[in-house]
Protein backbone atom coordinates (compact mmCIF):
# COMPACT_ATOMS: atom_id res chain seq x y z
CA MET A 1 -17.28 5.04 15.56
CA ILE A 2 -14.35 5.50 13.74
CA GLU A 3 -15.59 8.87 12.27
CA LEU A 4 -15.89 9.89 15.66
CA GLU A 5 -12.67 9.15 16.51
CA ASP A 6 -13.52 6.26 19.20
CA TYR A 7 -11.06 3.74 18.27
CA ALA A 8 -11.36 1.95 21.33
CA THR A 9 -15.17 1.11 20.85
CA ALA A 10 -14.83 0.57 17.20
CA ARG A 11 -11.77 -1.69 17.72
CA GLU A 12 -13.74 -3.59 20.43
CA VAL A 13 -16.81 -4.23 17.75
CA LEU A 14 -14.56 -5.85 15.15
CA MET A 15 -12.98 -7.60 17.78
CA SER A 16 -16.56 -9.14 18.84
CA MET A 17 -17.08 -10.20 15.31
CA SER A 18 -16.48 -14.02 14.46
CA GLU A 19 -13.28 -14.71 13.06
CA SER A 20 -14.66 -15.14 9.65
CA ALA A 21 -16.40 -12.02 9.82
CA ARG A 22 -13.16 -10.57 10.79
CA ARG A 23 -11.18 -12.06 8.14
CA ASP A 24 -13.57 -10.17 5.11
CA PRO A 25 -11.57 -7.72 3.09
CA LEU A 26 -14.26 -5.12 4.46
CA SER A 27 -13.29 -5.86 7.90
CA GLN A 28 -9.84 -5.96 7.52
CA TYR A 29 -10.05 -2.50 5.32
CA LEU A 30 -11.93 -1.01 8.73
CA ILE A 31 -9.17 -2.50 11.25
CA PHE A 32 -6.62 -0.89 8.59
CA LYS A 33 -8.21 2.30 8.67
CA ILE A 34 -8.74 1.98 12.93
CA ALA A 35 -4.69 0.94 12.94
CA ILE A 36 -3.64 3.96 10.51
CA ARG A 37 -5.76 6.50 12.76
CA SER A 38 -4.09 4.96 16.09
CA ASP A 39 -0.68 4.45 14.69
CA GLN A 40 -0.66 0.76 15.06
CA CYS A 41 1.64 0.41 11.84
CA ASP A 42 2.02 -3.32 12.31
CA ILE A 43 -1.45 -4.40 12.54
CA ALA A 44 -2.13 -1.93 9.20
CA ALA A 45 0.71 -4.16 7.68
CA ASP A 46 -1.25 -6.99 8.48
CA CYS A 47 -4.41 -6.10 7.39
CA LEU A 48 -2.77 -4.95 3.85
CA GLN A 49 -1.54 -8.64 3.68
CA ASN A 50 -5.05 -10.09 4.59
CA ILE A 51 -6.61 -7.78 2.30
CA ALA A 52 -4.40 -9.09 -0.63
CA ALA A 53 -4.35 -12.58 0.39
CA SER A 54 -8.24 -12.59 0.34
CA SER A 55 -9.59 -10.15 -2.02
CA THR A 56 -11.24 -11.87 -5.12
CA ASP A 57 -12.75 -8.63 -6.28
CA GLY A 58 -10.15 -6.79 -7.69
CA PHE A 59 -8.25 -3.71 -6.09
CA ASP A 60 -10.94 -1.67 -4.31
CA HIS A 61 -10.10 -2.20 -0.75
CA LEU A 62 -6.42 -2.12 -1.35
CA PHE A 63 -6.79 1.33 -3.11
CA ALA A 64 -8.97 2.24 -0.35
CA CYS A 65 -6.20 1.33 1.79
CA VAL A 66 -3.96 3.86 -0.11
CA LEU A 67 -6.28 6.68 -0.12
CA GLU A 68 -6.65 6.17 3.69
CA ALA A 69 -3.10 5.82 4.33
CA GLN A 70 -2.71 9.25 2.31
CA GLU A 71 -5.03 11.02 3.64
CA LYS A 72 -3.61 10.40 7.15
CA GLY A 73 0.15 11.23 6.14
CA HIS A 74 1.38 7.65 6.72
CA LYS A 75 3.72 7.65 3.68
CA TYR A 76 5.36 4.31 4.49
CA MET A 77 2.04 2.49 4.97
CA THR A 78 0.76 4.34 1.55
CA ILE A 79 3.86 2.86 -0.33
CA ALA A 80 3.62 -0.28 1.27
CA ALA A 81 -0.14 -0.57 -0.34
CA MET A 82 0.75 0.51 -3.39
CA GLN A 83 3.40 -2.10 -3.67
CA ILE A 84 1.23 -4.71 -2.77
CA ILE A 85 -1.07 -3.74 -5.47
CA LEU A 86 2.00 -3.78 -7.97
CA GLN A 87 2.80 -7.51 -6.90
CA ARG A 88 -0.79 -8.83 -7.91
CA VAL A 89 -1.44 -6.52 -11.15
CA ASP A 90 -0.73 -8.21 -14.63
CA TYR A 91 1.84 -6.01 -16.40
CA PHE A 92 0.25 -6.99 -19.73
CA GLU A 93 -3.27 -6.18 -18.78
CA SER A 94 -4.94 -3.18 -17.51
CA ASN A 95 -7.25 -5.03 -14.70
CA GLY A 96 -8.14 -1.28 -14.19
CA VAL A 97 -4.87 -0.16 -12.92
CA ASN A 98 -2.54 2.42 -14.58
CA VAL A 99 0.59 0.46 -14.00
CA PRO A 100 3.11 3.03 -15.63
CA CYS A 101 1.25 5.42 -12.88
CA LEU A 102 1.37 3.36 -9.77
CA ILE A 103 5.16 2.64 -10.35
CA ARG A 104 5.95 6.68 -10.92
CA CYS A 105 3.91 7.50 -7.67
CA ILE A 106 5.97 4.65 -5.81
CA ILE A 107 9.17 5.90 -6.91
CA ARG A 108 7.92 9.45 -6.05
CA MET A 109 7.07 8.92 -2.69
CA LEU A 110 10.15 6.64 -2.25
CA GLY A 111 12.48 9.25 -3.67
CA GLY A 112 10.74 12.25 -1.25
CA LEU A 113 11.45 10.31 1.66
CA LEU A 114 15.09 9.41 0.57
CA LYS A 115 15.62 13.07 -0.24
CA GLY A 116 13.84 14.70 2.32
CA GLY A 117 16.04 12.64 4.91
CA GLN A 118 13.24 10.91 6.09
CA ILE A 119 15.17 7.48 5.88
CA ARG A 120 19.05 7.75 7.43
CA PRO A 121 21.61 7.64 4.81
CA GLY A 122 23.91 4.29 5.62
CA SER A 123 20.99 2.49 7.29
CA ASP A 124 19.70 -0.98 6.22
CA GLU A 125 16.62 0.91 5.25
CA TYR A 126 18.43 3.16 2.87
CA ALA A 127 19.94 0.54 1.37
CA ASN A 128 16.71 -1.28 0.97
CA SER A 129 14.82 1.78 -0.09
CA ALA A 130 17.54 2.66 -2.68
CA ASP A 131 17.07 -1.20 -4.20
CA ASN A 132 13.61 -1.00 -4.21
CA LEU A 133 13.94 1.97 -6.39
CA CYS A 134 16.09 0.27 -8.62
CA GLU A 135 13.75 -2.96 -8.97
CA LEU A 136 10.66 0.15 -9.66
CA PHE A 137 12.24 1.26 -12.41
CA GLU A 138 13.27 -2.17 -13.79
CA LYS A 139 9.55 -2.98 -13.76
CA GLY A 140 8.82 0.43 -15.18
CA THR A 141 10.76 -0.58 -17.89
CA MET A 142 8.43 -3.62 -18.67
CA CYS A 143 5.88 -1.39 -19.20
CA LEU A 144 7.38 0.64 -22.21
CA PRO A 145 6.18 -0.06 -25.72
CA PHE A 146 8.40 -2.54 -27.56
CA SER A 147 8.82 -0.37 -30.80
CA ILE A 148 10.96 2.43 -28.73
CA SER A 149 14.08 3.25 -30.79
CA TYR A 150 16.73 5.10 -29.61
CA HIS A 151 18.52 7.25 -32.20
């Protein structure tokens, strides 16, 4: 149904499932996919939070959300999904996530939104994004080897 772009029917099928089945990370990913494709960002954001809260099998579903959002051109949702992964990752264990690369991707996407004028200068969103960039750079420094010396 989703691939046929019949989102109403796909949503109907998912909503007919039991509450516990809908809470499953895979079901949440499917709901996220429908929400992204039908521009329902609030629902997509809720799904990201639900996946992060219930997922015990690593980051597979969250990375799938990143790819889906990126494929559909939803930069804000792509950034949101990557930030959730960053919040959950252990900086000192790989967990299969390249933390410096993840931070760099978020910084580039967020910087692109700021530079491209997609976030209006002077707005609260602009200030929050600038603060977010500073936090990301600080987190990035946590990933640096401790043996770096500056001459």
